[in-house]
Amino acid sequence: MRDPIEDLQHLRTEGTTVNPLPAAEVRRRGDRRRRRTTALATVGGVAAALVAVGVPLGLARSGADDGREISPAPPATSWLQEVPAEYPLAAGLRGGPVEDEGVRDLDQCAADTWDLGRSVARADASTGDVEGFHGRTLAVYADADAATAALRRVRTTVEGCAADPVGPLSYVVTDEDPGGAEAETVVVVEQAETEPGLLSDLTLTRLSRDGNAVLVDQAYTSAGGPDALDQVSRLLLEESALPRTALCVFDAQPCDLASVLAEDADPAALVVPDGFPLLAGWPAASGAETDVVGPTRDGLEVLNL
């Protein structure tokens, strides 16, 4: 076997004819290849940088790698956890000096009917005596859900008393819809029926929730029956108009309490606001005999039967 190194040493002329490129062409091709390699390296570096920056930006915008848009989580609500010193709890109370007793439990219902022991803050005010008592309690809870749960517990407790009343006492609990998503209202009526059809010892309690707070407003009178209930209800609403309006300070988006207190509003306007649709649903007036007079806050002359 012949040693192949001999062919290299003697540079035999046999075999394929080779036509080498001129030196200038070799240099031109070398320069072109170096430029191409440099350009590819530069493009690759830019692409890598774009990937490194673009991926976090994309994830931050969409939150997912499949292109789905994900909304950011809503900020946590910072609920007020105390009763402001300027809160007008005693505003409108009549019947003597203001004490710090607060509302009373129902006579023959469960102890602590209003379940205020689970609140994180509380304030109390009351006036009057045994014959004519008026009390208020403001209970602040950890959040709106806890305040709503407190109202549910009150309703369940009183319904249990109404289902199995002890002695002559009777209970009626109703819900009121104030027309807002933030607020809830529960009204509890307690009366004693000493004789068939004869009612006395009326206790009216109105619980209003706004945000994470519940205002409990209560009035007692020795009288009873529909007329007494109507009179006490109207008086309770008017006297508690400012404290109920100030409950907005406990909303998820609280109001400015100083602005509420600065408004010199008519208490009746707080109970029945301007623009209330009093005539909604009535047929349009036609003719002199069907003219509509009002609405007005001054009162109208009516036919006394």
Protein backbone atom coordinates (compact mmCIF):
# COMPACT_ATOMS: atom_id res chain seq x y z
CA MET A 1 0.00 0.00 0.00
CA ARG A 2 1.41 3.31 -1.08
CA ASP A 3 1.93 5.99 1.51
CA PRO A 4 -0.47 8.89 0.70
CA ILE A 5 1.98 11.40 2.10
CA GLU A 6 4.07 10.93 -1.00
CA ASP A 7 1.38 12.59 -3.12
CA LEU A 8 1.56 15.63 -0.87
CA GLN A 9 5.33 15.72 -0.81
CA HIS A 10 5.79 15.47 -4.56
CA LEU A 11 2.56 17.29 -5.53
CA ARG A 12 1.62 14.91 -8.21
CA THR A 13 -0.12 16.44 -11.20
CA GLU A 14 -2.56 13.55 -11.59
CA GLY A 15 -6.19 14.04 -10.60
CA THR A 16 -8.71 16.84 -10.92
CA THR A 17 -7.53 20.14 -12.29
CA VAL A 18 -7.88 22.96 -9.72
CA ASN A 19 -8.28 26.60 -10.74
CA PRO A 20 -7.56 28.66 -7.61
CA LEU A 21 -9.40 32.03 -7.15
CA PRO A 22 -7.47 35.22 -7.45
CA ALA A 23 -6.30 36.69 -4.19
CA ALA A 24 -8.57 39.77 -4.55
CA GLU A 25 -11.67 37.59 -4.92
CA VAL A 26 -10.71 35.57 -1.85
CA ARG A 27 -10.36 38.76 0.17
CA ARG A 28 -13.71 40.11 -1.12
CA ARG A 29 -15.55 36.92 -0.17
CA GLY A 30 -13.88 36.89 3.25
CA ASP A 31 -14.92 40.48 3.92
CA ARG A 32 -18.50 39.73 2.87
CA ARG A 33 -18.69 36.70 5.20
CA ARG A 34 -17.31 38.69 8.14
CA ARG A 35 -19.92 41.44 7.57
CA ARG A 36 -22.72 38.84 7.41
CA THR A 37 -21.53 37.16 10.63
CA THR A 38 -21.35 40.52 12.44
CA ALA A 39 -24.83 41.49 11.28
CA LEU A 40 -26.34 38.19 12.40
CA ALA A 41 -24.69 38.51 15.80
CA THR A 42 -26.09 42.03 16.20
CA VAL A 43 -29.64 41.01 15.22
CA GLY A 44 -29.49 38.04 17.57
CA GLY A 45 -28.45 40.27 20.46
CA VAL A 46 -31.31 42.71 19.81
CA ALA A 47 -33.83 39.88 19.59
CA ALA A 48 -32.59 38.43 22.86
CA ALA A 49 -32.94 41.84 24.51
CA LEU A 50 -36.45 42.25 23.17
CA VAL A 51 -37.41 38.84 24.49
CA ALA A 52 -35.92 39.61 27.89
CA VAL A 53 -37.83 42.90 28.15
CA GLY A 54 -40.96 42.02 26.21
CA VAL A 55 -41.91 38.91 28.18
CA PRO A 56 -42.24 40.67 31.56
CA LEU A 57 -44.09 43.56 29.91
CA GLY A 58 -46.46 41.15 28.24
CA LEU A 59 -47.07 39.27 31.46
CA ALA A 60 -47.59 42.50 33.35
CA ARG A 61 -50.18 43.61 30.83
CA SER A 62 -52.14 40.42 30.40
CA GLY A 63 -51.20 38.30 33.40
CA ALA A 64 -51.17 35.14 31.27
CA ASP A 65 -49.08 33.70 28.44
CA ASP A 66 -52.09 32.88 26.27
CA GLY A 67 -53.06 36.49 25.57
CA ARG A 68 -56.03 36.63 27.95
CA GLU A 69 -56.60 39.99 29.63
CA ILE A 70 -56.69 39.69 33.42
CA SER A 71 -58.03 42.64 35.43
CA PRO A 72 -55.94 43.72 38.41
CA ALA A 73 -57.31 42.91 41.86
CA PRO A 74 -59.38 45.74 43.36
CA PRO A 75 -57.76 47.59 46.26
CA ALA A 76 -58.76 46.44 49.73
CA THR A 77 -61.36 48.61 51.47
CA SER A 78 -60.11 50.47 54.53
CA TRP A 79 -63.15 50.44 56.84
CA LEU A 80 -63.37 53.01 59.60
CA GLN A 81 -62.84 51.19 62.91
CA GLU A 82 -63.94 53.83 65.41
CA VAL A 83 -66.73 56.30 66.12
CA PRO A 84 -65.53 59.79 65.16
CA ALA A 85 -65.62 62.21 68.08
CA GLU A 86 -67.72 64.63 66.03
CA TYR A 87 -70.34 62.05 65.04
CA PRO A 88 -73.77 63.59 65.92
CA LEU A 89 -75.13 60.61 67.86
CA ALA A 90 -77.23 62.71 70.25
CA ALA A 91 -78.51 65.16 67.62
CA GLY A 92 -82.30 65.53 67.78
CA LEU A 93 -82.78 63.71 71.08
CA ARG A 94 -85.47 65.29 73.24
CA GLY A 95 -86.85 64.71 76.69
CA GLY A 96 -84.15 65.80 79.11
CA PRO A 97 -80.37 65.54 79.59
CA VAL A 98 -78.47 63.11 77.41
CA GLU A 99 -77.19 59.99 79.15
CA ASP A 100 -74.91 57.24 77.83
CA GLU A 101 -77.28 54.31 78.32
CA GLY A 102 -78.07 53.50 74.70
CA VAL A 103 -80.85 51.21 73.47
CA ARG A 104 -82.51 48.64 75.71
CA ASP A 105 -83.15 44.96 75.14
CA LEU A 106 -86.69 43.83 74.44
CA ASP A 107 -88.58 42.85 77.60
CA GLN A 108 -89.13 39.15 76.96
CA CYS A 109 -86.80 38.42 74.08
CA ALA A 110 -83.25 37.06 74.14
CA ALA A 111 -80.62 38.91 76.13
CA ASP A 112 -78.56 41.30 74.04
CA THR A 113 -81.20 41.22 71.31
CA TRP A 114 -79.26 43.64 69.16
CA ASP A 115 -76.10 41.47 69.28
CA LEU A 116 -73.81 44.46 69.69
CA GLY A 117 -71.12 42.60 71.61
CA ARG A 118 -69.30 41.65 68.40
CA SER A 119 -68.72 45.25 67.33
CA VAL A 120 -65.22 46.77 67.32
CA ALA A 121 -66.44 50.17 68.54
CA ARG A 122 -69.63 51.49 70.11
CA ALA A 123 -71.23 54.74 71.27
CA ASP A 124 -74.47 55.20 73.26
CA ALA A 125 -76.87 58.05 74.04
CA SER A 126 -80.35 58.27 75.57
CA THR A 127 -82.89 60.67 77.04
CA GLY A 128 -86.14 60.39 78.95
CA ASP A 129 -87.33 58.08 81.67
CA VAL A 130 -89.57 55.08 82.12
CA GLU A 131 -92.64 56.84 80.68
CA GLY A 132 -90.96 58.15 77.54
CA PHE A 133 -87.56 56.72 76.64
CA HIS A 134 -85.48 57.42 73.55
CA GLY A 135 -82.12 55.67 73.05
CA ARG A 136 -79.48 55.37 70.37
CA THR A 137 -76.53 53.04 69.87
CA LEU A 138 -73.98 53.19 67.08
CA ALA A 139 -72.10 49.91 66.54
CA VAL A 140 -69.07 49.75 64.24
CA TYR A 141 -68.03 46.36 62.82
CA ALA A 142 -64.88 45.07 61.17
CA ASP A 143 -66.40 45.34 57.69
CA ALA A 144 -69.71 45.59 55.84
CA ASP A 145 -70.23 41.82 55.83
CA ALA A 146 -69.97 41.70 59.63
CA ALA A 147 -72.48 44.55 59.95
CA THR A 148 -74.91 42.80 57.58
CA ALA A 149 -74.54 39.58 59.56
CA ALA A 150 -75.41 41.48 62.74
CA LEU A 151 -78.68 42.63 61.16
CA ARG A 152 -79.47 39.05 60.13
CA ARG A 153 -78.90 37.84 63.68
CA VAL A 154 -81.24 40.51 65.04
CA ARG A 155 -83.94 39.54 62.58
CA THR A 156 -83.59 35.84 63.40
CA THR A 157 -83.71 36.52 67.14
CA VAL A 158 -86.82 38.69 66.97
CA GLU A 159 -88.60 36.30 64.61
CA GLY A 160 -88.02 33.60 67.20
CA CYS A 161 -89.65 35.78 69.83
CA ALA A 162 -92.57 36.52 67.50
CA ALA A 163 -93.07 32.83 66.78
CA ASP A 164 -93.31 31.96 70.47
CA PRO A 165 -94.12 35.13 72.42
CA VAL A 166 -94.02 34.97 76.19
CA GLY A 167 -96.98 36.52 77.97
CA PRO A 168 -98.93 39.33 76.32
CA LEU A 169 -96.05 40.76 74.29
CA SER A 170 -96.11 40.61 70.49
CA TYR A 171 -93.35 41.37 68.01
CA VAL A 172 -93.38 42.50 64.39
CA VAL A 173 -90.17 42.77 62.34
CA THR A 174 -90.07 44.27 58.86
CA ASP A 175 -87.42 45.19 56.30
CA GLU A 176 -87.25 48.54 54.57
CA ASP A 177 -85.56 49.11 51.23
CA PRO A 178 -83.97 52.57 51.19
CA GLY A 179 -83.17 52.24 47.49
CA GLY A 180 -79.39 52.04 47.87
CA ALA A 181 -77.00 49.12 47.64
CA GLU A 182 -75.00 50.30 50.66
CA ALA A 183 -77.78 50.54 53.24
CA GLU A 184 -80.21 48.18 54.95
CA THR A 185 -82.96 48.85 57.48
CA VAL A 186 -84.83 46.60 59.90
CA VAL A 187 -87.75 47.83 62.04
CA VAL A 188 -88.88 45.98 65.16
CA VAL A 189 -92.16 46.75 66.97
CA GLU A 190 -92.90 45.42 70.45
CA GLN A 191 -96.31 45.95 72.08
CA ALA A 192 -98.26 44.47 74.99
CA GLU A 193 -101.87 43.37 74.54
CA THR A 194 -103.34 43.47 78.05
CA GLU A 195 -106.87 42.93 76.74
CA PRO A 196 -108.16 41.84 73.34
CA GLY A 197 -107.65 44.79 71.01
CA LEU A 198 -106.05 46.99 73.72
CA LEU A 199 -102.34 47.64 73.05
CA SER A 200 -99.85 49.48 75.25
CA ASP A 201 -96.13 49.71 76.09
CA LEU A 202 -94.95 50.36 72.56
CA THR A 203 -91.21 49.99 71.84
CA LEU A 204 -90.15 50.90 68.31
CA THR A 205 -86.57 50.06 67.27
CA ARG A 206 -85.12 51.02 63.90
CA LEU A 207 -81.77 49.55 62.82
CA SER A 208 -80.02 51.23 59.89
CA ARG A 209 -76.87 49.79 58.34
CA ASP A 210 -74.56 51.82 56.14
CA GLY A 211 -71.15 50.43 55.26
CA ASN A 212 -69.70 48.71 58.33
CA ALA A 213 -71.84 50.52 60.94
CA VAL A 214 -75.31 49.97 62.36
CA LEU A 215 -77.30 52.78 63.99
CA VAL A 216 -79.95 51.50 66.41
CA ASP A 217 -82.62 54.11 67.19
CA GLN A 218 -85.27 53.29 69.77
CA ALA A 219 -88.30 54.97 71.32
CA TYR A 220 -90.70 53.81 74.05
CA THR A 221 -94.11 55.12 75.00
CA SER A 222 -96.69 53.74 77.39
CA ALA A 223 -99.38 54.07 74.71
CA GLY A 224 -99.84 51.53 71.92
CA GLY A 225 -101.86 50.79 68.83
CA PRO A 226 -101.77 52.13 65.26
CA ASP A 227 -102.05 55.82 66.17
CA ALA A 228 -99.22 55.67 68.69
CA LEU A 229 -97.09 53.65 66.27
CA ASP A 230 -97.62 56.20 63.50
CA GLN A 231 -96.74 59.13 65.75
CA VAL A 232 -93.64 57.49 67.23
CA SER A 233 -92.43 56.39 63.77
CA ARG A 234 -92.65 59.92 62.38
CA LEU A 235 -90.95 61.42 65.42
CA LEU A 236 -88.19 58.81 65.36
CA LEU A 237 -87.43 59.44 61.70
CA GLU A 238 -87.31 63.21 62.12
CA GLU A 239 -85.19 63.19 65.27
CA SER A 240 -82.65 60.73 63.85
CA ALA A 241 -82.36 62.35 60.42
CA LEU A 242 -78.89 63.83 60.97
CA PRO A 243 -77.29 60.76 62.61
CA ARG A 244 -78.65 58.53 59.83
CA THR A 245 -77.32 60.91 57.15
CA ALA A 246 -73.91 60.94 58.85
CA LEU A 247 -73.69 57.14 58.52
CA CYS A 248 -72.17 57.75 55.08
CA VAL A 249 -68.82 58.25 56.83
CA PHE A 250 -68.73 54.44 57.25
CA ASP A 251 -69.24 53.69 53.54
CA ALA A 252 -66.61 51.94 51.43
CA GLN A 253 -66.13 55.36 49.84
CA PRO A 254 -66.81 57.56 52.87
CA CYS A 255 -68.32 61.01 52.74
CA ASP A 256 -66.84 64.11 54.33
CA LEU A 257 -68.45 64.21 57.79
CA ALA A 258 -67.57 67.88 58.25
CA SER A 259 -69.49 68.75 55.07
CA VAL A 260 -72.51 66.76 56.26
CA LEU A 261 -72.52 68.58 59.61
CA ALA A 262 -72.06 71.95 57.91
CA GLU A 263 -75.24 71.56 55.87
CA ASP A 264 -78.04 73.55 57.52
CA ALA A 265 -80.72 71.21 56.22
CA ASP A 266 -84.35 71.01 57.26
CA PRO A 267 -84.79 67.75 59.20
CA ALA A 268 -87.93 67.05 57.17
CA ALA A 269 -85.87 67.36 53.97
CA LEU A 270 -83.51 64.68 55.28
CA VAL A 271 -86.46 62.34 55.88
CA VAL A 272 -88.25 63.11 52.60
CA PRO A 273 -85.72 64.52 50.10
CA ASP A 274 -86.53 67.12 47.49
CA GLY A 275 -87.63 65.55 44.22
CA PHE A 276 -89.29 62.57 45.90
CA PRO A 277 -91.68 61.09 43.23
CA LEU A 278 -94.82 61.64 45.29
CA LEU A 279 -97.06 61.88 42.19
CA ALA A 280 -95.59 58.88 40.37
CA GLY A 281 -98.34 56.72 38.89
CA TRP A 282 -101.11 59.29 39.13
CA PRO A 283 -103.03 60.02 35.91
CA ALA A 284 -102.32 63.33 34.26
CA ALA A 285 -104.61 66.12 35.48
CA SER A 286 -107.27 67.22 32.99
CA GLY A 287 -109.81 69.90 33.77
CA ALA A 288 -110.23 72.33 36.63
CA GLU A 289 -111.72 69.73 38.98
CA THR A 290 -108.67 67.46 38.76
CA ASP A 291 -105.85 70.00 39.15
CA VAL A 292 -102.99 68.68 41.27
CA VAL A 293 -101.89 70.91 44.14
CA GLY A 294 -98.40 70.29 45.49
CA PRO A 295 -96.23 68.56 46.43
CA THR A 296 -95.59 71.03 49.23
CA ARG A 297 -94.01 70.98 52.67
CA ASP A 298 -96.45 73.58 54.03
CA GLY A 299 -99.39 71.21 54.34
CA LEU A 300 -102.73 71.26 52.54
CA GLU A 301 -106.27 71.75 53.72
CA VAL A 302 -108.07 68.43 53.56
CA LEU A 303 -111.67 67.41 54.07
CA ASN A 304 -112.32 66.38 57.66
CA LEU A 305 -115.00 63.72 57.76
